Amino acid sequence: MNDDHAVRFSVDYPNRALNRLATAFRVFAVIPIAIVVASIGGYKSGDVGTGSSTTVIAVGGTGLLFLPPLLMIVFRQKYPRWWFDWNLELLRFTNRVAV
């Protein structure tokens, strides 16, 4: 193994019997989770095929909580710990869904 890389990733094979039917239904189980992620995280799209630089952004639940932390940073010069924790958990959640 090359020790030049800072990140190492390994996954242990599960010690239980694997069910192929349950694995096939994960596609359907992700639909409500994807709806939650889309409503919280927002959505961004642009025209790929037309060469246009027009971008449409729909802001979700995190966009509604943008102004209060911004004002706290500007006036108190302090990043709120609760907002950092919220962003951290939101990134973890969306990354787990994407994987």
N, C-alpha and C. Protein backbone atom coordinates (compact mmCIF):
# COMPACT_ATOMS: atom_id res chain seq x y z
N MET A 1 0.84 -1.18 0.00
CA MET A 1 0.00 0.00 0.00
C MET A 1 0.88 1.24 0.00
N ASN A 2 0.53 2.22 -0.80
CA ASN A 2 1.27 3.46 -0.90
C ASN A 2 0.87 4.38 0.24
N ASP A 3 1.84 4.86 1.01
CA ASP A 3 1.55 5.72 2.16
C ASP A 3 1.58 7.19 1.83
N ASP A 4 1.59 7.56 0.53
CA ASP A 4 1.63 8.96 0.15
C ASP A 4 0.28 9.66 0.30
N HIS A 5 -0.78 8.91 0.36
CA HIS A 5 -2.11 9.49 0.42
C HIS A 5 -2.57 9.64 1.87
N ALA A 6 -3.23 10.76 2.14
CA ALA A 6 -3.66 11.04 3.50
C ALA A 6 -4.93 10.31 3.89
N VAL A 7 -5.75 9.90 2.90
CA VAL A 7 -7.03 9.26 3.18
C VAL A 7 -6.96 7.80 2.78
N ARG A 8 -7.43 6.96 3.68
CA ARG A 8 -7.54 5.52 3.38
C ARG A 8 -8.98 5.12 3.61
N PHE A 9 -9.48 4.27 2.73
CA PHE A 9 -10.88 3.86 2.81
C PHE A 9 -10.95 2.35 2.69
N SER A 10 -11.65 1.74 3.63
CA SER A 10 -11.86 0.29 3.55
C SER A 10 -13.26 -0.02 4.08
N VAL A 11 -13.88 -1.01 3.46
CA VAL A 11 -15.21 -1.42 3.86
C VAL A 11 -15.17 -2.91 4.16
N ASP A 12 -15.63 -3.28 5.34
CA ASP A 12 -15.67 -4.69 5.71
C ASP A 12 -16.92 -5.32 5.14
N TYR A 13 -16.78 -6.55 4.66
CA TYR A 13 -17.92 -7.29 4.15
C TYR A 13 -18.83 -7.64 5.33
N PRO A 14 -20.15 -7.44 5.19
CA PRO A 14 -21.05 -7.71 6.32
C PRO A 14 -21.08 -9.19 6.69
N ASN A 15 -21.24 -9.45 7.98
CA ASN A 15 -21.27 -10.82 8.49
C ASN A 15 -22.67 -11.41 8.50
N ARG A 16 -23.60 -10.81 7.77
CA ARG A 16 -24.97 -11.30 7.73
C ARG A 16 -25.32 -11.70 6.31
N ALA A 17 -26.41 -12.39 6.20
CA ALA A 17 -26.88 -12.80 4.87
C ALA A 17 -27.42 -11.57 4.14
N LEU A 18 -27.07 -11.43 2.87
CA LEU A 18 -27.51 -10.29 2.07
C LEU A 18 -28.77 -10.65 1.32
N ASN A 19 -29.72 -9.73 1.28
CA ASN A 19 -30.99 -9.94 0.63
C ASN A 19 -31.05 -9.10 -0.64
N ARG A 20 -31.09 -9.76 -1.80
CA ARG A 20 -31.10 -9.04 -3.07
C ARG A 20 -32.41 -8.29 -3.30
N LEU A 21 -33.51 -8.80 -2.79
CA LEU A 21 -34.79 -8.13 -2.96
C LEU A 21 -34.80 -6.79 -2.21
N ALA A 22 -34.30 -6.78 -1.00
CA ALA A 22 -34.23 -5.53 -0.23
C ALA A 22 -33.30 -4.53 -0.91
N THR A 23 -32.23 -5.02 -1.51
CA THR A 23 -31.32 -4.14 -2.24
C THR A 23 -31.99 -3.54 -3.45
N ALA A 24 -32.82 -4.30 -4.13
CA ALA A 24 -33.53 -3.80 -5.32
C ALA A 24 -34.55 -2.72 -4.94
N PHE A 25 -35.16 -2.82 -3.77
CA PHE A 25 -36.16 -1.84 -3.36
C PHE A 25 -35.56 -0.56 -2.78
N ARG A 26 -34.25 -0.47 -2.66
CA ARG A 26 -33.62 0.76 -2.16
C ARG A 26 -33.85 1.93 -3.10
N VAL A 27 -34.04 1.64 -4.37
CA VAL A 27 -34.33 2.70 -5.33
C VAL A 27 -35.63 3.40 -4.95
N PHE A 28 -36.61 2.65 -4.53
CA PHE A 28 -37.90 3.22 -4.14
C PHE A 28 -37.84 3.84 -2.75
N ALA A 29 -37.00 3.32 -1.88
CA ALA A 29 -36.89 3.85 -0.53
C ALA A 29 -36.21 5.21 -0.51
N VAL A 30 -35.43 5.52 -1.54
CA VAL A 30 -34.72 6.79 -1.57
C VAL A 30 -35.62 7.95 -2.01
N ILE A 31 -36.78 7.68 -2.57
CA ILE A 31 -37.65 8.74 -3.08
C ILE A 31 -38.07 9.72 -1.97
N PRO A 32 -38.60 9.28 -0.83
CA PRO A 32 -38.96 10.27 0.20
C PRO A 32 -37.74 11.00 0.77
N ILE A 33 -36.61 10.30 0.86
CA ILE A 33 -35.38 10.92 1.35
C ILE A 33 -34.91 11.99 0.37
N ALA A 34 -35.00 11.71 -0.92
CA ALA A 34 -34.60 12.69 -1.94
C ALA A 34 -35.51 13.92 -1.90
N ILE A 35 -36.77 13.72 -1.61
CA ILE A 35 -37.69 14.86 -1.49
C ILE A 35 -37.29 15.75 -0.32
N VAL A 36 -36.92 15.14 0.80
CA VAL A 36 -36.48 15.91 1.97
C VAL A 36 -35.20 16.67 1.65
N VAL A 37 -34.24 16.01 1.01
CA VAL A 37 -32.98 16.66 0.67
C VAL A 37 -33.22 17.83 -0.28
N ALA A 38 -34.09 17.64 -1.27
CA ALA A 38 -34.37 18.71 -2.22
C ALA A 38 -35.08 19.89 -1.56
N SER A 39 -35.96 19.61 -0.61
CA SER A 39 -36.68 20.71 0.04
C SER A 39 -35.80 21.47 1.03
N ILE A 40 -34.85 20.79 1.64
CA ILE A 40 -33.96 21.46 2.60
C ILE A 40 -32.80 22.14 1.88
N GLY A 41 -32.20 21.43 0.96
CA GLY A 41 -30.98 21.94 0.34
C GLY A 41 -31.20 22.87 -0.82
N GLY A 42 -32.36 22.89 -1.42
CA GLY A 42 -32.59 23.73 -2.58
C GLY A 42 -32.19 23.00 -3.85
N TYR A 43 -32.28 23.71 -4.98
CA TYR A 43 -32.02 23.11 -6.27
C TYR A 43 -31.41 24.16 -7.18
N LYS A 44 -30.45 23.76 -7.99
CA LYS A 44 -29.82 24.67 -8.94
C LYS A 44 -29.73 23.98 -10.28
N SER A 45 -30.13 24.67 -11.33
CA SER A 45 -30.03 24.10 -12.66
C SER A 45 -29.65 25.19 -13.64
N GLY A 46 -29.10 24.77 -14.75
CA GLY A 46 -28.74 25.71 -15.81
C GLY A 46 -28.94 25.04 -17.15
N ASP A 47 -28.90 25.82 -18.21
CA ASP A 47 -29.04 25.29 -19.56
C ASP A 47 -27.70 24.73 -20.01
N VAL A 48 -27.64 23.42 -20.23
CA VAL A 48 -26.40 22.79 -20.61
C VAL A 48 -26.26 22.76 -22.13
N GLY A 49 -27.31 22.38 -22.83
CA GLY A 49 -27.21 22.17 -24.26
C GLY A 49 -27.28 23.43 -25.09
N THR A 50 -27.85 24.49 -24.59
CA THR A 50 -28.06 25.69 -25.41
C THR A 50 -26.88 26.64 -25.37
N GLY A 51 -25.95 26.47 -24.46
CA GLY A 51 -24.83 27.38 -24.35
C GLY A 51 -25.17 28.66 -23.63
N SER A 52 -26.38 28.76 -23.13
CA SER A 52 -26.81 29.95 -22.40
C SER A 52 -26.25 29.92 -20.98
N SER A 53 -25.97 31.08 -20.44
CA SER A 53 -25.43 31.14 -19.08
C SER A 53 -26.51 31.46 -18.06
N THR A 54 -27.77 31.30 -18.43
CA THR A 54 -28.87 31.55 -17.52
C THR A 54 -28.94 30.46 -16.47
N THR A 55 -29.05 30.84 -15.23
CA THR A 55 -29.13 29.88 -14.13
C THR A 55 -30.40 30.15 -13.33
N VAL A 56 -31.12 29.09 -13.02
CA VAL A 56 -32.32 29.18 -12.21
C VAL A 56 -32.02 28.54 -10.87
N ILE A 57 -32.29 29.24 -9.79
CA ILE A 57 -32.03 28.71 -8.45
C ILE A 57 -33.32 28.76 -7.64
N ALA A 58 -33.70 27.62 -7.09
CA ALA A 58 -34.84 27.55 -6.18
C ALA A 58 -34.28 27.32 -4.78
N VAL A 59 -34.57 28.20 -3.87
CA VAL A 59 -33.99 28.13 -2.54
C VAL A 59 -34.87 27.29 -1.64
N GLY A 60 -34.24 26.40 -0.89
CA GLY A 60 -34.97 25.54 0.04
C GLY A 60 -34.94 26.09 1.44
N GLY A 61 -35.05 25.20 2.40
CA GLY A 61 -35.13 25.59 3.81
C GLY A 61 -33.88 26.26 4.33
N THR A 62 -32.70 25.89 3.81
CA THR A 62 -31.48 26.53 4.29
C THR A 62 -31.38 27.96 3.81
N GLY A 63 -31.96 28.26 2.66
CA GLY A 63 -31.96 29.64 2.18
C GLY A 63 -32.79 30.55 3.05
N LEU A 64 -33.81 30.01 3.68
CA LEU A 64 -34.64 30.81 4.58
C LEU A 64 -33.89 31.17 5.85
N LEU A 65 -32.90 30.38 6.20
CA LEU A 65 -32.11 30.64 7.40
C LEU A 65 -30.77 31.29 7.07
N PHE A 66 -30.69 31.97 5.95
CA PHE A 66 -29.44 32.60 5.55
C PHE A 66 -29.23 33.95 6.21
N LEU A 67 -30.25 34.76 6.25
CA LEU A 67 -30.12 36.13 6.73
C LEU A 67 -29.78 36.23 8.23
N PRO A 68 -30.44 35.50 9.13
CA PRO A 68 -30.07 35.64 10.56
C PRO A 68 -28.61 35.29 10.87
N PRO A 69 -28.06 34.18 10.35
CA PRO A 69 -26.64 33.94 10.64
C PRO A 69 -25.72 34.99 10.00
N LEU A 70 -26.11 35.49 8.81
CA LEU A 70 -25.30 36.53 8.18
C LEU A 70 -25.25 37.78 9.05
N LEU A 71 -26.41 38.17 9.58
CA LEU A 71 -26.44 39.34 10.46
C LEU A 71 -25.64 39.09 11.74
N MET A 72 -25.67 37.88 12.26
CA MET A 72 -24.89 37.57 13.45
C MET A 72 -23.39 37.66 13.16
N ILE A 73 -22.99 37.21 11.98
CA ILE A 73 -21.58 37.29 11.61
C ILE A 73 -21.16 38.75 11.44
N VAL A 74 -22.00 39.53 10.79
CA VAL A 74 -21.66 40.93 10.52
C VAL A 74 -21.59 41.74 11.82
N PHE A 75 -22.59 41.62 12.68
CA PHE A 75 -22.66 42.48 13.86
C PHE A 75 -21.92 41.91 15.07
N ARG A 76 -21.97 40.62 15.27
CA ARG A 76 -21.29 40.04 16.43
C ARG A 76 -19.90 39.53 16.09
N GLN A 77 -19.60 39.41 14.78
CA GLN A 77 -18.32 38.91 14.28
C GLN A 77 -18.02 37.52 14.85
N LYS A 78 -19.07 36.73 14.87
CA LYS A 78 -18.96 35.39 15.42
C LYS A 78 -19.86 34.46 14.62
N TYR A 79 -19.31 33.32 14.18
CA TYR A 79 -20.09 32.34 13.44
C TYR A 79 -20.83 31.47 14.45
N PRO A 80 -22.16 31.42 14.41
CA PRO A 80 -22.92 30.68 15.42
C PRO A 80 -22.62 29.18 15.38
N ARG A 81 -22.40 28.60 16.54
CA ARG A 81 -22.09 27.18 16.62
C ARG A 81 -23.26 26.33 16.12
N TRP A 82 -24.50 26.71 16.41
CA TRP A 82 -25.67 25.95 15.97
C TRP A 82 -25.76 25.93 14.46
N TRP A 83 -25.33 27.02 13.80
CA TRP A 83 -25.39 27.06 12.34
C TRP A 83 -24.30 26.18 11.74
N PHE A 84 -23.13 26.15 12.37
CA PHE A 84 -22.06 25.26 11.93
C PHE A 84 -22.49 23.80 12.06
N ASP A 85 -23.11 23.46 13.19
CA ASP A 85 -23.59 22.08 13.39
C ASP A 85 -24.67 21.72 12.37
N TRP A 86 -25.57 22.65 12.09
CA TRP A 86 -26.62 22.42 11.09
C TRP A 86 -26.01 22.13 9.72
N ASN A 87 -25.07 22.97 9.28
CA ASN A 87 -24.43 22.78 7.99
C ASN A 87 -23.64 21.48 7.93
N LEU A 88 -22.97 21.14 9.01
CA LEU A 88 -22.21 19.90 9.05
C LEU A 88 -23.12 18.69 8.88
N GLU A 89 -24.21 18.65 9.64
CA GLU A 89 -25.13 17.52 9.54
C GLU A 89 -25.85 17.49 8.20
N LEU A 90 -26.17 18.66 7.64
CA LEU A 90 -26.81 18.69 6.32
C LEU A 90 -25.87 18.14 5.26
N LEU A 91 -24.60 18.50 5.30
CA LEU A 91 -23.63 17.95 4.35
C LEU A 91 -23.46 16.46 4.51
N ARG A 92 -23.41 15.98 5.74
CA ARG A 92 -23.31 14.54 5.97
C ARG A 92 -24.52 13.80 5.41
N PHE A 93 -25.71 14.37 5.65
CA PHE A 93 -26.95 13.74 5.17
C PHE A 93 -26.99 13.70 3.66
N THR A 94 -26.70 14.83 3.00
CA THR A 94 -26.76 14.86 1.54
C THR A 94 -25.68 13.98 0.92
N ASN A 95 -24.53 13.89 1.52
CA ASN A 95 -23.49 13.00 1.00
C ASN A 95 -23.87 11.54 1.14
N ARG A 96 -24.52 11.18 2.26
CA ARG A 96 -24.97 9.79 2.42
C ARG A 96 -26.03 9.43 1.40
N VAL A 97 -26.94 10.37 1.11
CA VAL A 97 -27.98 10.13 0.11
C VAL A 97 -27.35 10.01 -1.27
N ALA A 98 -26.38 10.86 -1.58
CA ALA A 98 -25.75 10.84 -2.90
C ALA A 98 -24.95 9.56 -3.12
N VAL A 99 -24.35 9.04 -2.08
CA VAL A 99 -23.59 7.80 -2.22
C VAL A 99 -24.52 6.64 -2.38
